[in-house]
Amino acid sequence: MDFARGFGFSLLQLVAGLLELYTWVVVIRALVSWVSPDPYNPIVRLLHQLTEPLLRPLRRLAPPRRLGGLDLSPILLILIVQFVRYGLIYSFARRPLLF
């Protein structure tokens, strides 16, 4: 394996890993929201800052008030992130690898 291919594969693994980490951040945010956390907690604020820019547009597509208060935006975001992650993996890898 030459240097460029190895570097590209490492970069692909890094991006796929970051997308997987972001998926877990969204899951943790959704779980924390069930217990009505302290909004001034630094961890809660970090989770909010990392996820809200992508959740806000999805809430406009599927507003919780029309779904009986059920917020489906985290589920939609996880599906989109996983779609992008696996799309990158299958597009750039010679043979499909499951990370």
N, C-alpha and C. Protein backbone atom coordinates (compact mmCIF):
# COMPACT_ATOMS: atom_id res chain seq x y z
N MET A 1 0.85 -1.16 0.00
CA MET A 1 0.00 0.00 0.00
C MET A 1 0.90 1.24 0.00
N ASP A 2 0.70 2.12 -0.94
CA ASP A 2 1.53 3.31 -1.01
C ASP A 2 1.05 4.36 0.00
N PHE A 3 1.86 5.42 0.14
CA PHE A 3 1.60 6.43 1.15
C PHE A 3 0.26 7.13 0.95
N ALA A 4 -0.05 7.52 -0.28
CA ALA A 4 -1.28 8.27 -0.55
C ALA A 4 -2.52 7.43 -0.22
N ARG A 5 -2.49 6.16 -0.60
CA ARG A 5 -3.64 5.31 -0.31
C ARG A 5 -3.79 5.08 1.19
N GLY A 6 -2.68 4.89 1.87
CA GLY A 6 -2.71 4.71 3.32
C GLY A 6 -3.20 5.95 4.03
N PHE A 7 -2.75 7.13 3.55
CA PHE A 7 -3.19 8.38 4.14
C PHE A 7 -4.68 8.58 3.90
N GLY A 8 -5.14 8.29 2.69
CA GLY A 8 -6.56 8.43 2.38
C GLY A 8 -7.41 7.50 3.21
N PHE A 9 -6.92 6.26 3.40
CA PHE A 9 -7.67 5.30 4.21
C PHE A 9 -7.71 5.76 5.67
N SER A 10 -6.60 6.29 6.17
CA SER A 10 -6.57 6.79 7.54
C SER A 10 -7.50 7.98 7.71
N LEU A 11 -7.54 8.85 6.73
CA LEU A 11 -8.44 10.00 6.77
C LEU A 11 -9.89 9.55 6.75
N LEU A 12 -10.18 8.54 5.93
CA LEU A 12 -11.54 7.99 5.88
C LEU A 12 -11.93 7.40 7.22
N GLN A 13 -11.01 6.67 7.86
CA GLN A 13 -11.29 6.11 9.17
C GLN A 13 -11.51 7.20 10.21
N LEU A 14 -10.74 8.28 10.12
CA LEU A 14 -10.90 9.40 11.06
C LEU A 14 -12.28 10.04 10.91
N VAL A 15 -12.69 10.31 9.68
CA VAL A 15 -13.99 10.94 9.44
C VAL A 15 -15.12 10.00 9.88
N ALA A 16 -14.99 8.71 9.56
CA ALA A 16 -16.02 7.75 9.97
C ALA A 16 -16.09 7.66 11.49
N GLY A 17 -14.94 7.70 12.15
CA GLY A 17 -14.92 7.67 13.61
C GLY A 17 -15.54 8.91 14.22
N LEU A 18 -15.27 10.08 13.64
CA LEU A 18 -15.87 11.32 14.14
C LEU A 18 -17.38 11.33 13.95
N LEU A 19 -17.85 10.79 12.84
CA LEU A 19 -19.30 10.70 12.62
C LEU A 19 -19.94 9.73 13.61
N GLU A 20 -19.24 8.65 13.93
CA GLU A 20 -19.76 7.71 14.93
C GLU A 20 -19.79 8.37 16.31
N LEU A 21 -18.76 9.12 16.64
CA LEU A 21 -18.72 9.84 17.90
C LEU A 21 -19.86 10.87 17.98
N TYR A 22 -20.11 11.55 16.89
CA TYR A 22 -21.20 12.53 16.88
C TYR A 22 -22.56 11.84 17.08
N THR A 23 -22.70 10.66 16.52
CA THR A 23 -23.93 9.89 16.74
C THR A 23 -24.14 9.64 18.23
N TRP A 24 -23.07 9.27 18.92
CA TRP A 24 -23.18 9.02 20.36
C TRP A 24 -23.46 10.30 21.13
N VAL A 25 -22.93 11.42 20.68
CA VAL A 25 -23.22 12.71 21.32
C VAL A 25 -24.73 13.00 21.21
N VAL A 26 -25.31 12.74 20.05
CA VAL A 26 -26.75 12.96 19.87
C VAL A 26 -27.56 12.02 20.76
N VAL A 27 -27.14 10.77 20.86
CA VAL A 27 -27.83 9.81 21.72
C VAL A 27 -27.77 10.25 23.18
N ILE A 28 -26.59 10.68 23.62
CA ILE A 28 -26.43 11.13 25.00
C ILE A 28 -27.28 12.37 25.26
N ARG A 29 -27.32 13.28 24.29
CA ARG A 29 -28.16 14.49 24.46
C ARG A 29 -29.62 14.10 24.60
N ALA A 30 -30.08 13.16 23.80
CA ALA A 30 -31.48 12.74 23.88
C ALA A 30 -31.77 12.08 25.23
N LEU A 31 -30.85 11.26 25.71
CA LEU A 31 -31.08 10.61 27.00
C LEU A 31 -31.05 11.60 28.15
N VAL A 32 -30.13 12.56 28.09
CA VAL A 32 -30.04 13.57 29.15
C VAL A 32 -31.28 14.45 29.17
N SER A 33 -31.87 14.68 28.01
CA SER A 33 -33.05 15.55 27.97
C SER A 33 -34.25 14.94 28.69
N TRP A 34 -34.25 13.65 28.90
CA TRP A 34 -35.37 12.99 29.59
C TRP A 34 -35.39 13.30 31.08
N VAL A 35 -34.26 13.70 31.66
CA VAL A 35 -34.19 13.89 33.11
C VAL A 35 -34.20 15.36 33.50
N SER A 36 -34.52 16.25 32.59
CA SER A 36 -34.53 17.70 32.78
C SER A 36 -33.29 18.18 33.53
N PRO A 37 -32.16 18.21 32.82
CA PRO A 37 -30.88 18.56 33.45
C PRO A 37 -30.78 20.06 33.76
N ASP A 38 -29.80 20.39 34.58
CA ASP A 38 -29.50 21.78 34.89
C ASP A 38 -28.93 22.45 33.64
N PRO A 39 -29.57 23.49 33.11
CA PRO A 39 -29.09 24.10 31.87
C PRO A 39 -27.75 24.81 32.01
N TYR A 40 -27.29 25.03 33.23
CA TYR A 40 -26.00 25.69 33.44
C TYR A 40 -24.85 24.71 33.63
N ASN A 41 -25.14 23.43 33.62
CA ASN A 41 -24.10 22.41 33.71
C ASN A 41 -23.24 22.48 32.45
N PRO A 42 -21.90 22.50 32.60
CA PRO A 42 -21.04 22.63 31.42
C PRO A 42 -21.18 21.48 30.42
N ILE A 43 -21.44 20.28 30.91
CA ILE A 43 -21.59 19.15 29.99
C ILE A 43 -22.88 19.28 29.19
N VAL A 44 -23.94 19.68 29.85
CA VAL A 44 -25.23 19.88 29.18
C VAL A 44 -25.11 21.00 28.15
N ARG A 45 -24.42 22.06 28.51
CA ARG A 45 -24.23 23.17 27.58
C ARG A 45 -23.41 22.75 26.37
N LEU A 46 -22.36 21.94 26.59
CA LEU A 46 -21.54 21.44 25.48
C LEU A 46 -22.37 20.56 24.55
N LEU A 47 -23.15 19.66 25.12
CA LEU A 47 -24.01 18.80 24.30
C LEU A 47 -24.99 19.64 23.49
N HIS A 48 -25.54 20.66 24.10
CA HIS A 48 -26.48 21.55 23.42
C HIS A 48 -25.79 22.30 22.27
N GLN A 49 -24.60 22.82 22.53
CA GLN A 49 -23.86 23.57 21.50
C GLN A 49 -23.45 22.68 20.34
N LEU A 50 -23.14 21.42 20.61
CA LEU A 50 -22.71 20.51 19.54
C LEU A 50 -23.86 20.01 18.68
N THR A 51 -25.03 19.87 19.27
CA THR A 51 -26.12 19.22 18.54
C THR A 51 -27.21 20.17 18.04
N GLU A 52 -27.42 21.27 18.72
CA GLU A 52 -28.55 22.14 18.38
C GLU A 52 -28.50 22.71 16.96
N PRO A 53 -27.31 23.08 16.43
CA PRO A 53 -27.30 23.62 15.06
C PRO A 53 -27.85 22.64 14.00
N LEU A 54 -27.72 21.35 14.24
CA LEU A 54 -28.26 20.38 13.28
C LEU A 54 -29.66 19.89 13.66
N LEU A 55 -30.00 19.97 14.93
CA LEU A 55 -31.34 19.53 15.34
C LEU A 55 -32.41 20.57 15.03
N ARG A 56 -32.06 21.84 15.11
CA ARG A 56 -33.04 22.92 14.91
C ARG A 56 -33.73 22.83 13.54
N PRO A 57 -32.98 22.68 12.43
CA PRO A 57 -33.68 22.58 11.13
C PRO A 57 -34.56 21.32 11.02
N LEU A 58 -34.14 20.25 11.68
CA LEU A 58 -34.94 19.03 11.63
C LEU A 58 -36.22 19.18 12.43
N ARG A 59 -36.19 20.00 13.48
CA ARG A 59 -37.41 20.25 14.25
C ARG A 59 -38.42 21.05 13.43
N ARG A 60 -37.93 21.85 12.49
CA ARG A 60 -38.85 22.56 11.62
C ARG A 60 -39.52 21.60 10.63
N LEU A 61 -38.81 20.54 10.25
CA LEU A 61 -39.39 19.55 9.33
C LEU A 61 -40.43 18.68 10.04
N ALA A 62 -40.13 18.29 11.27
CA ALA A 62 -41.04 17.45 12.05
C ALA A 62 -41.25 18.09 13.41
N PRO A 63 -42.12 19.11 13.48
CA PRO A 63 -42.30 19.83 14.75
C PRO A 63 -42.92 18.94 15.83
N PRO A 64 -42.34 18.96 17.04
CA PRO A 64 -42.86 18.11 18.13
C PRO A 64 -44.31 18.41 18.49
N ARG A 65 -44.77 19.65 18.34
CA ARG A 65 -46.15 19.96 18.72
C ARG A 65 -47.16 19.26 17.81
N ARG A 66 -46.77 18.94 16.59
CA ARG A 66 -47.68 18.22 15.69
C ARG A 66 -47.64 16.72 15.90
N LEU A 67 -46.61 16.26 16.61
CA LEU A 67 -46.46 14.83 16.86
C LEU A 67 -46.78 14.47 18.31
N GLY A 68 -47.60 15.26 18.93
CA GLY A 68 -47.99 14.99 20.30
C GLY A 68 -46.88 15.23 21.30
N GLY A 69 -45.96 16.13 20.99
CA GLY A 69 -44.85 16.43 21.89
C GLY A 69 -43.65 15.54 21.71
N LEU A 70 -43.71 14.59 20.81
CA LEU A 70 -42.59 13.67 20.58
C LEU A 70 -41.61 14.31 19.61
N ASP A 71 -40.36 14.49 20.06
CA ASP A 71 -39.32 15.11 19.24
C ASP A 71 -38.56 14.01 18.50
N LEU A 72 -38.79 13.93 17.20
CA LEU A 72 -38.13 12.92 16.39
C LEU A 72 -36.83 13.41 15.76
N SER A 73 -36.45 14.66 16.01
CA SER A 73 -35.26 15.21 15.37
C SER A 73 -33.98 14.46 15.71
N PRO A 74 -33.75 13.97 16.95
CA PRO A 74 -32.53 13.19 17.19
C PRO A 74 -32.48 11.90 16.36
N ILE A 75 -33.62 11.25 16.20
CA ILE A 75 -33.64 10.03 15.40
C ILE A 75 -33.34 10.34 13.94
N LEU A 76 -33.94 11.42 13.43
CA LEU A 76 -33.67 11.82 12.05
C LEU A 76 -32.20 12.18 11.86
N LEU A 77 -31.61 12.90 12.83
CA LEU A 77 -30.20 13.28 12.72
C LEU A 77 -29.30 12.06 12.76
N ILE A 78 -29.60 11.10 13.61
CA ILE A 78 -28.80 9.88 13.66
C ILE A 78 -28.88 9.14 12.34
N LEU A 79 -30.06 9.05 11.76
CA LEU A 79 -30.21 8.38 10.46
C LEU A 79 -29.41 9.10 9.37
N ILE A 80 -29.43 10.41 9.36
CA ILE A 80 -28.69 11.18 8.36
C ILE A 80 -27.19 11.00 8.55
N VAL A 81 -26.72 11.08 9.79
CA VAL A 81 -25.29 10.92 10.06
C VAL A 81 -24.82 9.53 9.66
N GLN A 82 -25.60 8.51 9.98
CA GLN A 82 -25.21 7.15 9.61
C GLN A 82 -25.26 6.95 8.09
N PHE A 83 -26.23 7.57 7.43
CA PHE A 83 -26.29 7.49 5.98
C PHE A 83 -25.04 8.11 5.35
N VAL A 84 -24.63 9.27 5.85
CA VAL A 84 -23.42 9.92 5.34
C VAL A 84 -22.19 9.07 5.66
N ARG A 85 -22.12 8.55 6.86
CA ARG A 85 -20.97 7.74 7.28
C ARG A 85 -20.80 6.52 6.37
N TYR A 86 -21.86 5.75 6.22
CA TYR A 86 -21.75 4.55 5.40
C TYR A 86 -21.62 4.88 3.92
N GLY A 87 -22.21 5.99 3.49
CA GLY A 87 -22.01 6.44 2.11
C GLY A 87 -20.56 6.73 1.82
N LEU A 88 -19.88 7.41 2.75
CA LEU A 88 -18.45 7.68 2.58
C LEU A 88 -17.64 6.39 2.58
N ILE A 89 -17.95 5.51 3.51
CA ILE A 89 -17.20 4.26 3.59
C ILE A 89 -17.34 3.45 2.31
N TYR A 90 -18.55 3.28 1.83
CA TYR A 90 -18.77 2.47 0.64
C TYR A 90 -18.32 3.17 -0.64
N SER A 91 -18.27 4.50 -0.64
CA SER A 91 -17.85 5.22 -1.83
C SER A 91 -16.33 5.21 -2.01
N PHE A 92 -15.61 5.34 -0.91
CA PHE A 92 -14.16 5.51 -1.00
C PHE A 92 -13.36 4.25 -0.74
N ALA A 93 -13.92 3.27 -0.09
CA ALA A 93 -13.19 2.03 0.18
C ALA A 93 -13.30 1.11 -1.03
N ARG A 94 -12.22 0.41 -1.32
CA ARG A 94 -12.27 -0.52 -2.46
C ARG A 94 -13.29 -1.63 -2.21
N ARG A 95 -13.24 -2.19 -1.04
CA ARG A 95 -14.25 -3.17 -0.66
C ARG A 95 -14.93 -2.67 0.59
N PRO A 96 -16.21 -2.88 0.72
CA PRO A 96 -16.94 -2.34 1.88
C PRO A 96 -16.38 -2.89 3.19
N LEU A 97 -16.05 -1.99 4.08
CA LEU A 97 -15.56 -2.35 5.41
C LEU A 97 -16.54 -1.80 6.42
N LEU A 98 -16.82 -2.59 7.42
CA LEU A 98 -17.67 -2.11 8.50
C LEU A 98 -16.78 -1.71 9.65
N PHE A 99 -16.82 -0.45 10.01
CA PHE A 99 -15.98 0.07 11.09
C PHE A 99 -16.70 -0.10 12.39
